Protein backbone atom coordinates (compact mmCIF):
# COMPACT_ATOMS: atom_id res chain seq x y z
CA MET A 1 140.65 136.93 164.37
CA SER A 2 138.86 134.75 161.81
CA GLU A 3 141.64 132.16 162.10
CA LEU A 4 141.06 131.95 165.84
CA LEU A 5 137.32 131.67 165.36
CA SER A 6 137.73 128.94 162.78
CA GLU A 7 140.06 127.02 165.10
CA GLU A 8 137.65 127.48 168.00
CA GLU A 9 134.74 126.33 165.86
CA ALA A 10 136.71 123.27 164.77
CA ASN A 11 137.50 122.45 168.40
CA ILE A 12 133.85 122.81 169.37
CA GLU A 13 132.71 120.62 166.49
CA SER A 14 135.31 118.00 167.38
CA ALA A 15 134.20 118.01 171.02
CA TRP A 16 130.54 117.57 170.02
CA ARG A 17 131.46 114.73 167.67
CA GLN A 18 133.25 112.97 170.52
CA GLU A 19 130.30 113.61 172.85
CA VAL A 20 127.93 111.96 170.36
CA LEU A 21 130.27 108.98 169.96
CA ASP A 22 130.55 108.62 173.74
CA ARG A 23 126.77 108.76 174.18
CA VAL A 24 126.16 106.19 171.45
CA ALA A 25 128.79 103.90 173.00
CA ALA A 26 127.12 104.27 176.42
CA LEU A 27 123.75 103.37 174.91
CA ASP A 28 125.22 100.39 173.06
CA ALA A 29 126.93 99.17 176.25
CA GLY A 30 123.71 99.47 178.26
CA GLU A 31 125.26 102.14 180.48
CA ALA A 32 122.60 104.72 179.60
CA THR A 33 118.86 104.52 179.20
CA PRO A 34 117.16 106.65 176.57
CA ILE A 35 114.12 108.67 177.61
CA PRO A 36 111.30 108.99 175.07
CA TRP A 37 110.77 112.53 173.74
CA ARG A 38 107.15 112.58 174.95
CA GLU A 39 108.32 111.98 178.54
CA VAL A 40 111.08 114.60 178.30
CA ARG A 41 108.61 117.12 176.83
CA ASP A 42 106.03 116.42 179.55
CA ARG A 43 108.65 116.90 182.28
CA LEU A 44 109.83 120.17 180.76
CA LEU A 45 106.30 121.50 180.31
CA ALA A 46 105.41 120.57 183.90
CA LYS A 47 108.51 122.33 185.18
CA LEU A 48 107.81 125.38 183.04
CA GLY A 49 104.22 125.47 184.28
CA ALA A 50 105.37 125.29 187.91
CA HIS A 51 107.77 128.18 187.36
CA ARG A 52 105.09 130.28 185.70
CA MET A 53 102.66 129.64 188.55
CA THR A 54 105.19 130.68 191.20
CA GLY A 55 106.69 133.49 189.16
CA ARG A 56 110.11 131.91 189.69
CA SER A 57 112.81 131.55 187.15
CA ASP A 58 116.09 129.68 187.42
CA ARG A 59 117.57 132.06 184.87
CA PRO A 60 119.76 134.80 186.25
CA SER A 61 118.33 138.24 185.70
CA ARG A 62 120.05 140.45 183.18
CA ALA A 63 120.71 144.14 183.62
CA SER A 64 118.90 144.77 180.34
CA ASP A 65 115.73 143.20 181.79
CA ALA A 66 115.42 145.91 184.42
């Protein structure tokens, strides 16, 4: 089992490495535009606040929450 987990972990790490390389290449080529953290944070907080006000959640409910 540990051999499978180690192989799976290696595959995941390799996939993330490639994702980072692809994103950096897209930035360098001008194909992607970075968004400043402050703007991302403000958007997330606004969305979270809207969900709290409406009582909505996009998360599926879990049986253990009942």
